[in-house]
């Protein structure tokens, strides 16, 4: 999920992931190790990095440089970014390494999900008003049908590092995967400097390695998906422990359009070009890397609770689904996720 400077982007996650993951740190005791921490603003949100230092190297400037390079590659809000160039011109385009890695992994999930995960939905996101401005007039079926002709990763041909668009007006939007990718890049950077114990959190997407300052697994909280569109945090719903994994949560409870008393999810079904209609409010995914967790979370938000749980159990994946049943909020966990729970609030 990439955005401009310090302004929160509300671009649909295939769609936009809108969520907060709160990090719980054990209070400092005499036996605690000395850990370093710094935080700042990035990609329209905030980031925080906590780690056990192995030297006196200051990582603030290198981290800022990494974030700036990734933004210049994939930020839809940077008028000079590579992705804006790709979207506004037919090409061919020579891509940088970040763009190539994210596009290739996007294609993997596009095929794995049979098109449920699709980073080419920008024309439809704009039409439904899930981009920069909310609209009161929804697109007609004829407009949706027309825009569907621009959707699909088969419209983008990548040979080596050179990209050609098969349909000139097709566009890419990596908001469903790029922020997770950024978290992985930051984690890899820390590890390249010998950091074995760290937690990286960017816009709610979290990667944890090793142990915290008290010598126990990192504890990460997942918020309750109460409908709101403000910046305030909701109450915590679940706390899990992580020592070698990434947690990403996707949901519709912060990004939606309400019309005539009905809420329309920002999550679009790439098959129909319309908002999903199932009862899934949010899904939390824990896998080894944040980029994959990001993509899986979007995939599951598209297909809904029943199919997501079926997929997770079949593949021994750790997920939590929060959904609405008869007007009440309900929670269901996969078997693998239950093993991670520290507290259910």
C-alpha atoms as a PDB file:
ATOM      1  CA  UNK A   1       0.000   0.000   0.000  1.00  0.00           C
ATOM      2  CA  UNK A   2       1.907   3.036  -1.224  1.00  0.00           C
ATOM      3  CA  UNK A   3       0.876   6.625  -0.826  1.00  0.00           C
ATOM      4  CA  UNK A   4       2.035  10.206  -0.781  1.00  0.00           C
ATOM      5  CA  UNK A   5       4.150  11.595   2.037  1.00  0.00           C
ATOM      6  CA  UNK A   6       2.218  11.821   5.262  1.00  0.00           C
ATOM      7  CA  UNK A   7      -1.324  11.780   3.865  1.00  0.00           C
ATOM      8  CA  UNK A   8      -3.189   8.509   4.338  1.00  0.00           C
ATOM      9  CA  UNK A   9      -4.135   6.988   1.025  1.00  0.00           C
ATOM     10  CA  UNK A  10      -7.564   5.446   0.789  1.00  0.00           C
ATOM     11  CA  UNK A  11      -6.998   3.490  -2.409  1.00  0.00           C
ATOM     12  CA  UNK A  12      -8.980   0.253  -2.603  1.00  0.00           C
ATOM     13  CA  UNK A  13      -6.988  -2.763  -1.511  1.00  0.00           C
ATOM     14  CA  UNK A  14      -7.181  -4.566  -4.473  1.00  0.00           C
ATOM     15  CA  UNK A  15      -8.186  -2.694  -3.010  1.00  0.00           C
ATOM     16  CA  UNK A  16      -6.999  -0.915   0.074  1.00  0.00           C
ATOM     17  CA  UNK A  17      -6.157  -2.468   3.375  1.00  0.00           C
ATOM     18  CA  UNK A  18      -7.320  -0.166   6.103  1.00  0.00           C
ATOM     19  CA  UNK A  19      -6.441  -1.384   9.568  1.00  0.00           C
ATOM     20  CA  UNK A  20      -4.369  -0.754  12.677  1.00  0.00           C
ATOM     21  CA  UNK A  21      -2.210  -3.397  14.339  1.00  0.00           C
ATOM     22  CA  UNK A  22      -1.153  -2.318  17.807  1.00  0.00           C
ATOM     23  CA  UNK A  23       2.157  -3.580  19.121  1.00  0.00           C
ATOM     24  CA  UNK A  24       2.383  -4.470  22.791  1.00  0.00           C
ATOM     25  CA  UNK A  25       5.831  -4.149  24.349  1.00  0.00           C
ATOM     26  CA  UNK A  26       6.601  -5.747  27.687  1.00  0.00           C
ATOM     27  CA  UNK A  27       7.547  -3.129  30.252  1.00  0.00           C
ATOM     28  CA  UNK A  28      11.255  -2.718  30.869  1.00  0.00           C
ATOM     29  CA  UNK A  29      12.669  -4.698  33.806  1.00  0.00           C
ATOM     30  CA  UNK A  30      16.166  -4.996  35.199  1.00  0.00           C
ATOM     31  CA  UNK A  31      16.764  -8.230  33.289  1.00  0.00           C
ATOM     32  CA  UNK A  32      15.661  -6.676  29.995  1.00  0.00           C
ATOM     33  CA  UNK A  33      18.205  -6.223  27.238  1.00  0.00           C
ATOM     34  CA  UNK A  34      18.959  -2.822  25.754  1.00  0.00           C
ATOM     35  CA  UNK A  35      16.926  -2.392  22.575  1.00  0.00           C
ATOM     36  CA  UNK A  36      16.830   0.551  20.200  1.00  0.00           C
ATOM     37  CA  UNK A  37      13.710   1.999  18.586  1.00  0.00           C
ATOM     38  CA  UNK A  38      12.796   4.733  16.144  1.00  0.00           C
ATOM     39  CA  UNK A  39       9.683   5.734  14.281  1.00  0.00           C
ATOM     40  CA  UNK A  40       8.462   8.140  11.647  1.00  0.00           C
ATOM     41  CA  UNK A  41       6.080   8.738   8.773  1.00  0.00           C
ATOM     42  CA  UNK A  42       6.103   6.739   5.550  1.00  0.00           C
ATOM     43  CA  UNK A  43       3.769   5.750   2.738  1.00  0.00           C
ATOM     44  CA  UNK A  44       0.857   7.725   4.108  1.00  0.00           C
ATOM     45  CA  UNK A  45       1.095   6.182   7.542  1.00  0.00           C
ATOM     46  CA  UNK A  46       3.584   5.640  10.354  1.00  0.00           C
ATOM     47  CA  UNK A  47       6.364   3.143  10.881  1.00  0.00           C
ATOM     48  CA  UNK A  48       8.160   1.836  13.961  1.00  0.00           C
ATOM     49  CA  UNK A  49      11.268  -0.305  14.170  1.00  0.00           C
ATOM     50  CA  UNK A  50      12.470  -1.929  17.405  1.00  0.00           C
ATOM     51  CA  UNK A  51      15.623  -4.027  17.428  1.00  0.00           C
ATOM     52  CA  UNK A  52      18.517  -5.362  19.473  1.00  0.00           C
ATOM     53  CA  UNK A  53      21.591  -3.473  18.228  1.00  0.00           C
ATOM     54  CA  UNK A  54      24.859  -5.233  17.503  1.00  0.00           C
ATOM     55  CA  UNK A  55      26.800  -2.034  16.769  1.00  0.00           C
ATOM     56  CA  UNK A  56      26.539   1.745  17.048  1.00  0.00           C
ATOM     57  CA  UNK A  57      25.281   2.117  13.471  1.00  0.00           C
ATOM     58  CA  UNK A  58      22.385   4.570  13.154  1.00  0.00           C
ATOM     59  CA  UNK A  59      19.734   3.153  10.793  1.00  0.00           C
ATOM     60  CA  UNK A  60      17.438   6.186  10.558  1.00  0.00           C
ATOM     61  CA  UNK A  61      18.878   7.724   7.384  1.00  0.00           C
ATOM     62  CA  UNK A  62      19.328   4.397   5.528  1.00  0.00           C
ATOM     63  CA  UNK A  63      15.735   3.439   6.341  1.00  0.00           C
ATOM     64  CA  UNK A  64      14.461   6.804   5.096  1.00  0.00           C
ATOM     65  CA  UNK A  65      16.409   6.242   1.870  1.00  0.00           C
ATOM     66  CA  UNK A  66      14.898   2.783   1.385  1.00  0.00           C
ATOM     67  CA  UNK A  67      11.386   4.171   1.861  1.00  0.00           C
ATOM     68  CA  UNK A  68      12.032   7.007  -0.598  1.00  0.00           C
ATOM     69  CA  UNK A  69      13.327   4.633  -3.287  1.00  0.00           C
ATOM     70  CA  UNK A  70      10.313   2.314  -2.963  1.00  0.00           C
ATOM     71  CA  UNK A  71       7.909   5.266  -3.072  1.00  0.00           C
ATOM     72  CA  UNK A  72       9.548   6.566  -6.232  1.00  0.00           C
ATOM     73  CA  UNK A  73       9.018   3.137  -7.765  1.00  0.00           C
ATOM     74  CA  UNK A  74       5.432   2.337  -6.754  1.00  0.00           C
ATOM     75  CA  UNK A  75       3.689   5.355  -5.247  1.00  0.00           C
ATOM     76  CA  UNK A  76       0.522   6.340  -7.088  1.00  0.00           C
ATOM     77  CA  UNK A  77       0.687   9.732  -5.372  1.00  0.00           C
ATOM     78  CA  UNK A  78       4.163  10.604  -6.636  1.00  0.00           C
ATOM     79  CA  UNK A  79       3.645  12.193 -10.052  1.00  0.00           C
ATOM     80  CA  UNK A  80       7.210  11.227 -11.026  1.00  0.00           C
ATOM     81  CA  UNK A  81       7.022   7.588  -9.878  1.00  0.00           C
ATOM     82  CA  UNK A  82       7.623   4.658 -12.159  1.00  0.00           C
ATOM     83  CA  UNK A  83       4.140   3.251 -11.652  1.00  0.00           C
ATOM     84  CA  UNK A  84       2.581   6.569 -12.704  1.00  0.00           C
ATOM     85  CA  UNK A  85       4.712   6.468 -15.845  1.00  0.00           C
ATOM     86  CA  UNK A  86       3.553   2.911 -16.546  1.00  0.00           C
ATOM     87  CA  UNK A  87      -0.101   3.807 -15.990  1.00  0.00           C
ATOM     88  CA  UNK A  88      -0.035   6.931 -18.120  1.00  0.00           C
ATOM     89  CA  UNK A  89       1.910   5.584 -21.105  1.00  0.00           C
ATOM     90  CA  UNK A  90       1.745   2.355 -23.097  1.00  0.00           C
ATOM     91  CA  UNK A  91       5.499   1.718 -23.005  1.00  0.00           C
ATOM     92  CA  UNK A  92       7.656  -0.255 -23.260  1.00  0.00           C
ATOM     93  CA  UNK A  93       8.954   0.541 -19.783  1.00  0.00           C
ATOM     94  CA  UNK A  94      12.207  -0.540 -18.139  1.00  0.00           C
ATOM     95  CA  UNK A  95      11.402  -1.405 -14.526  1.00  0.00           C
ATOM     96  CA  UNK A  96      13.540  -1.250 -11.388  1.00  0.00           C
ATOM     97  CA  UNK A  97      14.197  -4.285  -9.171  1.00  0.00           C
ATOM     98  CA  UNK A  98      11.497  -3.375  -6.636  1.00  0.00           C
ATOM     99  CA  UNK A  99       8.831  -3.059  -9.309  1.00  0.00           C
ATOM    100  CA  UNK A 100       9.851  -6.333 -10.982  1.00  0.00           C
ATOM    101  CA  UNK A 101       9.762  -8.282  -7.700  1.00  0.00           C
ATOM    102  CA  UNK A 102       6.338  -6.935  -6.723  1.00  0.00           C
ATOM    103  CA  UNK A 103       4.871  -7.477 -10.186  1.00  0.00           C
ATOM    104  CA  UNK A 104       6.181 -11.042 -10.370  1.00  0.00           C
ATOM    105  CA  UNK A 105       4.837 -11.895  -6.918  1.00  0.00           C
ATOM    106  CA  UNK A 106       1.533 -10.253  -7.823  1.00  0.00           C
ATOM    107  CA  UNK A 107       1.325 -12.496 -10.862  1.00  0.00           C
ATOM    108  CA  UNK A 108       1.944 -15.522  -8.628  1.00  0.00           C
ATOM    109  CA  UNK A 109      -1.022 -14.596  -6.428  1.00  0.00           C
ATOM    110  CA  UNK A 110      -3.150 -13.627  -9.413  1.00  0.00           C
ATOM    111  CA  UNK A 111      -2.750 -17.171 -10.738  1.00  0.00           C
ATOM    112  CA  UNK A 112      -2.974 -18.877  -7.331  1.00  0.00           C
ATOM    113  CA  UNK A 113      -6.227 -17.053  -6.525  1.00  0.00           C
ATOM    114  CA  UNK A 114      -7.656 -17.542 -10.021  1.00  0.00           C
ATOM    115  CA  UNK A 115      -7.892 -13.788 -10.409  1.00  0.00           C
ATOM    116  CA  UNK A 116      -9.322 -12.922  -6.980  1.00  0.00           C
ATOM    117  CA  UNK A 117      -6.100 -11.059  -6.226  1.00  0.00           C
ATOM    118  CA  UNK A 118      -5.702  -8.573  -9.055  1.00  0.00           C
ATOM    119  CA  UNK A 119      -3.547  -5.410  -8.930  1.00  0.00           C
ATOM    120  CA  UNK A 120      -4.997  -4.051 -12.178  1.00  0.00           C
ATOM    121  CA  UNK A 121      -8.303  -2.820 -10.733  1.00  0.00           C
ATOM    122  CA  UNK A 122      -7.481   0.905 -10.690  1.00  0.00           C
ATOM    123  CA  UNK A 123     -10.041   1.895 -13.369  1.00  0.00           C
ATOM    124  CA  UNK A 124     -12.815   0.216 -11.373  1.00  0.00           C
ATOM    125  CA  UNK A 125     -11.551   1.587  -8.046  1.00  0.00           C
ATOM    126  CA  UNK A 126     -11.790   5.072  -9.531  1.00  0.00           C
ATOM    127  CA  UNK A 127     -15.250   4.425 -10.970  1.00  0.00           C
ATOM    128  CA  UNK A 128     -16.641   3.261  -7.630  1.00  0.00           C
ATOM    129  CA  UNK A 129     -15.155   6.216  -5.776  1.00  0.00           C
ATOM    130  CA  UNK A 130     -12.722   4.209  -3.651  1.00  0.00           C
ATOM    131  CA  UNK A 131      -9.724   6.236  -4.774  1.00  0.00           C
ATOM    132  CA  UNK A 132      -9.217   9.915  -4.063  1.00  0.00           C
ATOM    133  CA  UNK A 133     -12.804  11.114  -3.822  1.00  0.00           C
ATOM    134  CA  UNK A 134     -15.913   9.298  -2.713  1.00  0.00           C
ATOM    135  CA  UNK A 135     -18.789   9.460  -5.160  1.00  0.00           C
ATOM    136  CA  UNK A 136     -22.497   9.433  -4.552  1.00  0.00           C
ATOM    137  CA  UNK A 137     -23.274   8.150  -8.040  1.00  0.00           C
ATOM    138  CA  UNK A 138     -22.213   4.549  -8.620  1.00  0.00           C
ATOM    139  CA  UNK A 139     -21.122   3.369 -12.082  1.00  0.00           C
ATOM    140  CA  UNK A 140     -23.744   1.907 -14.397  1.00  0.00           C
ATOM    141  CA  UNK A 141     -23.481  -1.745 -15.355  1.00  0.00           C
ATOM    142  CA  UNK A 142     -22.438  -0.733 -18.867  1.00  0.00           C
ATOM    143  CA  UNK A 143     -19.510   1.269 -17.449  1.00  0.00           C
ATOM    144  CA  UNK A 144     -18.458  -1.615 -15.202  1.00  0.00           C
ATOM    145  CA  UNK A 145     -18.564  -4.011 -18.168  1.00  0.00           C
ATOM    146  CA  UNK A 146     -16.459  -1.647 -20.231  1.00  0.00           C
ATOM    147  CA  UNK A 147     -13.853  -1.173 -17.512  1.00  0.00           C
ATOM    148  CA  UNK A 148     -13.583  -4.919 -16.930  1.00  0.00           C
ATOM    149  CA  UNK A 149     -11.993  -5.089 -20.383  1.00  0.00           C
ATOM    150  CA  UNK A 150      -9.005  -3.212 -18.925  1.00  0.00           C
ATOM    151  CA  UNK A 151      -8.601  -5.554 -15.955  1.00  0.00           C
ATOM    152  CA  UNK A 152      -6.337  -8.602 -15.684  1.00  0.00           C
ATOM    153  CA  UNK A 153      -2.594  -9.152 -15.355  1.00  0.00           C
ATOM    154  CA  UNK A 154      -2.510 -10.818 -18.764  1.00  0.00           C
ATOM    155  CA  UNK A 155      -2.721  -7.250 -20.061  1.00  0.00           C
ATOM    156  CA  UNK A 156       0.846  -6.690 -18.798  1.00  0.00           C
ATOM    157  CA  UNK A 157       3.706  -8.503 -20.501  1.00  0.00           C
ATOM    158  CA  UNK A 158       7.012  -8.567 -18.588  1.00  0.00           C
ATOM    159  CA  UNK A 159      10.170  -9.769 -20.328  1.00  0.00           C
ATOM    160  CA  UNK A 160      13.181  -9.502 -18.063  1.00  0.00           C
ATOM    161  CA  UNK A 161      12.884  -5.976 -16.719  1.00  0.00           C
ATOM    162  CA  UNK A 162      10.873  -4.596 -19.651  1.00  0.00           C
ATOM    163  CA  UNK A 163       7.109  -4.174 -19.399  1.00  0.00           C
ATOM    164  CA  UNK A 164       4.646  -3.723 -22.266  1.00  0.00           C
ATOM    165  CA  UNK A 165       0.927  -3.095 -21.809  1.00  0.00           C
ATOM    166  CA  UNK A 166      -1.398  -5.029 -24.098  1.00  0.00           C
ATOM    167  CA  UNK A 167      -4.194  -2.522 -23.406  1.00  0.00           C
ATOM    168  CA  UNK A 168      -2.955   1.105 -23.347  1.00  0.00           C
ATOM    169  CA  UNK A 169      -5.482   2.221 -20.712  1.00  0.00           C
ATOM    170  CA  UNK A 170      -4.830  -0.614 -18.251  1.00  0.00           C
ATOM    171  CA  UNK A 171      -3.272   0.428 -14.934  1.00  0.00           C
ATOM    172  CA  UNK A 172      -1.443  -1.161 -12.028  1.00  0.00           C
ATOM    173  CA  UNK A 173      -2.115  -0.526  -8.351  1.00  0.00           C
ATOM    174  CA  UNK A 174       0.156  -2.309  -5.857  1.00  0.00           C
ATOM    175  CA  UNK A 175      -1.632  -1.100  -2.717  1.00  0.00           C
ATOM    176  CA  UNK A 176      -2.564  -4.701  -1.900  1.00  0.00           C
ATOM    177  CA  UNK A 177       1.019  -5.934  -1.712  1.00  0.00           C
ATOM    178  CA  UNK A 178       3.646  -3.168  -1.823  1.00  0.00           C
ATOM    179  CA  UNK A 179       3.481  -2.121   1.820  1.00  0.00           C
ATOM    180  CA  UNK A 180       4.041  -5.705   2.904  1.00  0.00           C
ATOM    181  CA  UNK A 181       6.947  -5.838   0.463  1.00  0.00           C
ATOM    182  CA  UNK A 182       8.395  -2.705   2.065  1.00  0.00           C
ATOM    183  CA  UNK A 183       8.255  -4.307   5.513  1.00  0.00           C
ATOM    184  CA  UNK A 184      10.160  -7.317   4.153  1.00  0.00           C
ATOM    185  CA  UNK A 185      12.797  -5.063   2.585  1.00  0.00           C
ATOM    186  CA  UNK A 186      13.314  -3.277   5.912  1.00  0.00           C
ATOM    187  CA  UNK A 187      13.579  -6.619   7.709  1.00  0.00           C
ATOM    188  CA  UNK A 188      16.132  -7.866   5.180  1.00  0.00           C
ATOM    189  CA  UNK A 189      18.090  -4.639   5.656  1.00  0.00           C
ATOM    190  CA  UNK A 190      18.278  -5.176   9.427  1.00  0.00           C
ATOM    191  CA  UNK A 191      19.323  -8.792   8.990  1.00  0.00           C
ATOM    192  CA  UNK A 192      22.053  -7.771   6.544  1.00  0.00           C
ATOM    193  CA  UNK A 193      23.546  -5.794   9.436  1.00  0.00           C
ATOM    194  CA  UNK A 194      23.470  -8.777  11.773  1.00  0.00           C
ATOM    195  CA  UNK A 195      20.241  -7.855  13.576  1.00  0.00           C
ATOM    196  CA  UNK A 196      18.629 -11.082  14.824  1.00  0.00           C
ATOM    197  CA  UNK A 197      15.889  -9.686  17.082  1.00  0.00           C
ATOM    198  CA  UNK A 198      13.597  -7.027  15.645  1.00  0.00           C
ATOM    199  CA  UNK A 199      10.061  -5.913  14.942  1.00  0.00           C
ATOM    200  CA  UNK A 200       9.142  -3.768  11.936  1.00  0.00           C
ATOM    201  CA  UNK A 201       5.667  -2.230  11.692  1.00  0.00           C
ATOM    202  CA  UNK A 202       4.544  -0.037   8.802  1.00  0.00           C
ATOM    203  CA  UNK A 203       0.950   1.099   8.452  1.00  0.00           C
ATOM    204  CA  UNK A 204      -0.157  -1.814  10.636  1.00  0.00           C
ATOM    205  CA  UNK A 205       1.732  -4.473   8.688  1.00  0.00           C
ATOM    206  CA  UNK A 206       4.139  -6.256  10.965  1.00  0.00           C
ATOM    207  CA  UNK A 207       7.187  -8.494  10.703  1.00  0.00           C
ATOM    208  CA  UNK A 208       8.806 -10.005  13.799  1.00  0.00           C
ATOM    209  CA  UNK A 209      12.034 -11.921  14.217  1.00  0.00           C
ATOM    210  CA  UNK A 210      13.600 -13.395  17.328  1.00  0.00           C
ATOM    211  CA  UNK A 211      12.635 -12.142  20.779  1.00  0.00           C
ATOM    212  CA  UNK A 212      11.783  -8.828  22.396  1.00  0.00           C
ATOM    213  CA  UNK A 213      13.860  -7.068  25.047  1.00  0.00           C
ATOM    214  CA  UNK A 214      12.481  -9.340  27.786  1.00  0.00           C
ATOM    215  CA  UNK A 215      13.585 -12.456  25.952  1.00  0.00           C
ATOM    216  CA  UNK A 216      10.090 -13.604  24.953  1.00  0.00           C
ATOM    217  CA  UNK A 217       8.214 -13.626  21.674  1.00  0.00           C
ATOM    218  CA  UNK A 218       6.874 -10.339  20.341  1.00  0.00           C
ATOM    219  CA  UNK A 219       3.216  -9.680  21.140  1.00  0.00           C
ATOM    220  CA  UNK A 220       1.044  -8.089  18.462  1.00  0.00           C
ATOM    221  CA  UNK A 221      -2.545  -6.971  18.893  1.00  0.00           C
ATOM    222  CA  UNK A 222      -5.257  -7.030  16.230  1.00  0.00           C
ATOM    223  CA  UNK A 223      -8.027  -4.461  16.520  1.00  0.00           C
ATOM    224  CA  UNK A 224     -11.736  -5.104  16.587  1.00  0.00           C
ATOM    225  CA  UNK A 225     -13.200  -4.169  13.167  1.00  0.00           C
ATOM    226  CA  UNK A 226     -15.774  -1.602  14.282  1.00  0.00           C
ATOM    227  CA  UNK A 227     -16.970   0.546  11.391  1.00  0.00           C
ATOM    228  CA  UNK A 228     -15.346   3.963  11.353  1.00  0.00           C
ATOM    229  CA  UNK A 229     -13.562   6.216   8.919  1.00  0.00           C
ATOM    230  CA  UNK A 230     -11.476   8.192  11.376  1.00  0.00           C
ATOM    231  CA  UNK A 231      -7.881   7.773  12.450  1.00  0.00           C
ATOM    232  CA  UNK A 232      -8.715   6.609  15.954  1.00  0.00           C
ATOM    233  CA  UNK A 233      -7.860   3.067  16.945  1.00  0.00           C
ATOM    234  CA  UNK A 234     -10.541   0.539  17.734  1.00  0.00           C
ATOM    235  CA  UNK A 235     -10.288  -1.683  20.813  1.00  0.00           C
ATOM    236  CA  UNK A 236      -8.033  -4.703  20.575  1.00  0.00           C
ATOM    237  CA  UNK A 237      -9.699  -7.972  19.686  1.00  0.00           C
ATOM    238  CA  UNK A 238      -6.909 -10.554  19.693  1.00  0.00           C
ATOM    239  CA  UNK A 239      -3.278 -10.650  20.847  1.00  0.00           C
ATOM    240  CA  UNK A 240      -0.884 -13.114  19.214  1.00  0.00           C
ATOM    241  CA  UNK A 241       2.773 -13.968  19.742  1.00  0.00           C
ATOM    242  CA  UNK A 242       5.296 -13.899  16.909  1.00  0.00           C
ATOM    243  CA  UNK A 243       8.992 -14.723  16.709  1.00  0.00           C
ATOM    244  CA  UNK A 244       9.492 -15.535  13.043  1.00  0.00           C
ATOM    245  CA  UNK A 245       6.586 -14.343  10.969  1.00  0.00           C
ATOM    246  CA  UNK A 246       4.517 -11.510   9.572  1.00  0.00           C
ATOM    247  CA  UNK A 247       1.004 -10.388  10.431  1.00  0.00           C
ATOM    248  CA  UNK A 248      -1.213  -8.415   8.065  1.00  0.00           C
ATOM    249  CA  UNK A 249      -4.882  -7.579   8.549  1.00  0.00           C
ATOM    250  CA  UNK A 250      -7.231  -6.468   5.785  1.00  0.00           C
ATOM    251  CA  UNK A 251     -10.756  -5.228   6.259  1.00  0.00           C
ATOM    252  CA  UNK A 252     -13.650  -3.118   5.024  1.00  0.00           C
ATOM    253  CA  UNK A 253     -14.471  -1.352   8.262  1.00  0.00           C
ATOM    254  CA  UNK A 254     -12.413   1.795   7.655  1.00  0.00           C
ATOM    255  CA  UNK A 255     -12.886   2.080   3.918  1.00  0.00           C
ATOM    256  CA  UNK A 256     -16.418   1.934   2.602  1.00  0.00           C
ATOM    257  CA  UNK A 257     -19.098   4.028   0.973  1.00  0.00           C
ATOM    258  CA  UNK A 258     -22.497   4.393   2.571  1.00  0.00           C
ATOM    259  CA  UNK A 259     -25.471   5.131   0.355  1.00  0.00           C
ATOM    260  CA  UNK A 260     -29.168   4.970   1.230  1.00  0.00           C
ATOM    261  CA  UNK A 261     -28.282   3.381   4.570  1.00  0.00           C
ATOM    262  CA  UNK A 262     -26.246   0.562   3.022  1.00  0.00           C
ATOM    263  CA  UNK A 263     -22.480   0.131   3.348  1.00  0.00           C
ATOM    264  CA  UNK A 264     -20.527  -0.830   0.225  1.00  0.00           C
ATOM    265  CA  UNK A 265     -17.198  -2.513   0.838  1.00  0.00           C
ATOM    266  CA  UNK A 266     -14.063  -1.061  -0.758  1.00  0.00           C
ATOM    267  CA  UNK A 267     -13.087  -4.635  -1.654  1.00  0.00           C
ATOM    268  CA  UNK A 268     -13.960  -5.250  -5.296  1.00  0.00           C
ATOM    269  CA  UNK A 269     -14.579  -8.639  -6.831  1.00  0.00           C
ATOM    270  CA  UNK A 270     -12.425  -8.694  -9.994  1.00  0.00           C
ATOM    271  CA  UNK A 271     -14.863 -11.113 -11.627  1.00  0.00           C
ATOM    272  CA  UNK A 272     -17.891  -8.827 -11.337  1.00  0.00           C
ATOM    273  CA  UNK A 273     -16.213  -5.436 -11.012  1.00  0.00           C
ATOM    274  CA  UNK A 274     -18.476  -4.711  -8.030  1.00  0.00           C
ATOM    275  CA  UNK A 275     -18.023  -4.561  -4.246  1.00  0.00           C
ATOM    276  CA  UNK A 276     -18.137  -7.930  -2.504  1.00  0.00           C
ATOM    277  CA  UNK A 277     -21.397  -8.749  -0.727  1.00  0.00           C
ATOM    278  CA  UNK A 278     -20.347 -11.399   1.798  1.00  0.00           C
ATOM    279  CA  UNK A 279     -20.241 -10.902   5.588  1.00  0.00           C
ATOM    280  CA  UNK A 280     -16.460 -10.902   6.127  1.00  0.00           C
ATOM    281  CA  UNK A 281     -15.379  -7.703   7.926  1.00  0.00           C
ATOM    282  CA  UNK A 282     -11.678  -8.402   8.342  1.00  0.00           C
ATOM    283  CA  UNK A 283      -9.105 -11.139   8.037  1.00  0.00           C
ATOM    284  CA  UNK A 284      -5.741 -11.419   9.776  1.00  0.00           C
ATOM    285  CA  UNK A 285      -3.051 -13.543   8.139  1.00  0.00           C
ATOM    286  CA  UNK A 286       0.220 -14.811   9.606  1.00  0.00           C
ATOM    287  CA  UNK A 287       2.839 -16.220   7.235  1.00  0.00           C
ATOM    288  CA  UNK A 288       6.618 -15.956   7.019  1.00  0.00           C
ATOM    289  CA  UNK A 289       6.853 -12.731   4.995  1.00  0.00           C
ATOM    290  CA  UNK A 290       4.743  -9.594   4.960  1.00  0.00           C
ATOM    291  CA  UNK A 291       4.357  -9.331   1.181  1.00  0.00           C
ATOM    292  CA  UNK A 292       2.660 -12.716   1.002  1.00  0.00           C
ATOM    293  CA  UNK A 293       0.553 -11.985   4.083  1.00  0.00           C
ATOM    294  CA  UNK A 294      -0.575  -8.762   2.396  1.00  0.00           C
ATOM    295  CA  UNK A 295      -1.610 -10.570  -0.780  1.00  0.00           C
ATOM    296  CA  UNK A 296      -3.324 -13.433   1.040  1.00  0.00           C
ATOM    297  CA  UNK A 297      -5.328 -10.974   3.151  1.00  0.00           C
ATOM    298  CA  UNK A 298      -6.686  -9.308   0.014  1.00  0.00           C
ATOM    299  CA  UNK A 299      -7.368 -12.667  -1.636  1.00  0.00           C
ATOM    300  CA  UNK A 300      -9.377 -13.810   1.397  1.00  0.00           C
ATOM    301  CA  UNK A 301     -11.317 -10.546   1.649  1.00  0.00           C
ATOM    302  CA  UNK A 302     -12.467 -11.100  -1.926  1.00  0.00           C
ATOM    303  CA  UNK A 303     -13.548 -14.737  -1.578  1.00  0.00           C
ATOM    304  CA  UNK A 304     -15.161 -14.429   1.864  1.00  0.00           C
ATOM    305  CA  UNK A 305     -15.027 -16.264   5.178  1.00  0.00           C
ATOM    306  CA  UNK A 306     -16.125 -19.770   4.178  1.00  0.00           C
ATOM    307  CA  UNK A 307     -13.754 -20.165   1.248  1.00  0.00           C
ATOM    308  CA  UNK A 308     -10.926 -18.433   3.138  1.00  0.00           C
ATOM    309  CA  UNK A 309     -11.236 -20.816   6.088  1.00  0.00           C
ATOM    310  CA  UNK A 310     -11.407 -23.807   3.774  1.00  0.00           C
ATOM    311  CA  UNK A 311      -8.245 -22.681   1.989  1.00  0.00           C
ATOM    312  CA  UNK A 312      -6.436 -21.954   5.269  1.00  0.00           C
ATOM    313  CA  UNK A 313      -7.192 -25.356   6.784  1.00  0.00           C
ATOM    314  CA  UNK A 314      -6.191 -27.147   3.602  1.00  0.00           C
ATOM    315  CA  UNK A 315      -2.840 -25.351   3.527  1.00  0.00           C
ATOM    316  CA  UNK A 316      -2.271 -25.206   7.328  1.00  0.00           C
ATOM    317  CA  UNK A 317      -2.337 -21.403   7.282  1.00  0.00           C
ATOM    318  CA  UNK A 318      -2.852 -19.160  10.310  1.00  0.00           C
ATOM    319  CA  UNK A 319      -5.798 -16.810   9.754  1.00  0.00           C
ATOM    320  CA  UNK A 320      -8.508 -15.126  11.805  1.00  0.00           C
ATOM    321  CA  UNK A 321     -11.792 -14.110  10.176  1.00  0.00           C
ATOM    322  CA  UNK A 322     -14.153 -11.601  11.752  1.00  0.00           C
ATOM    323  CA  UNK A 323     -17.604 -11.529  10.194  1.00  0.00           C
ATOM    324  CA  UNK A 324     -21.165 -10.430  10.790  1.00  0.00           C
ATOM    325  CA  UNK A 325     -23.773 -13.046  11.621  1.00  0.00           C
ATOM    326  CA  UNK A 326     -27.385 -12.076  12.368  1.00  0.00           C
ATOM    327  CA  UNK A 327     -26.301  -8.570  13.259  1.00  0.00           C
ATOM    328  CA  UNK A 328     -23.538  -9.731  15.613  1.00  0.00           C
ATOM    329  CA  UNK A 329     -19.783  -9.754  15.190  1.00  0.00           C
ATOM    330  CA  UNK A 330     -18.324 -13.267  15.222  1.00  0.00           C
ATOM    331  CA  UNK A 331     -14.773 -14.611  15.057  1.00  0.00           C
ATOM    332  CA  UNK A 332     -13.390 -17.846  13.680  1.00  0.00           C
ATOM    333  CA  UNK A 333      -9.761 -19.025  13.636  1.00  0.00           C
ATOM    334  CA  UNK A 334      -7.925 -21.611  11.627  1.00  0.00           C
ATOM    335  CA  UNK A 335      -6.230 -24.359  13.624  1.00  0.00           C
ATOM    336  CA  UNK A 336      -2.789 -22.880  12.957  1.00  0.00           C
ATOM    337  CA  UNK A 337      -3.890 -19.425  14.147  1.00  0.00           C
ATOM    338  CA  UNK A 338      -5.227 -20.752  17.455  1.00  0.00           C
ATOM    339  CA  UNK A 339      -1.704 -21.831  18.396  1.00  0.00           C
ATOM    340  CA  UNK A 340      -0.538 -18.187  18.171  1.00  0.00           C
ATOM    341  CA  UNK A 341      -3.217 -16.607  20.380  1.00  0.00           C
ATOM    342  CA  UNK A 342      -2.034 -15.103  23.659  1.00  0.00           C
ATOM    343  CA  UNK A 343      -5.312 -13.429  24.564  1.00  0.00           C
ATOM    344  CA  UNK A 344      -8.800 -13.119  23.067  1.00  0.00           C
ATOM    345  CA  UNK A 345     -10.420  -9.890  24.287  1.00  0.00           C
END
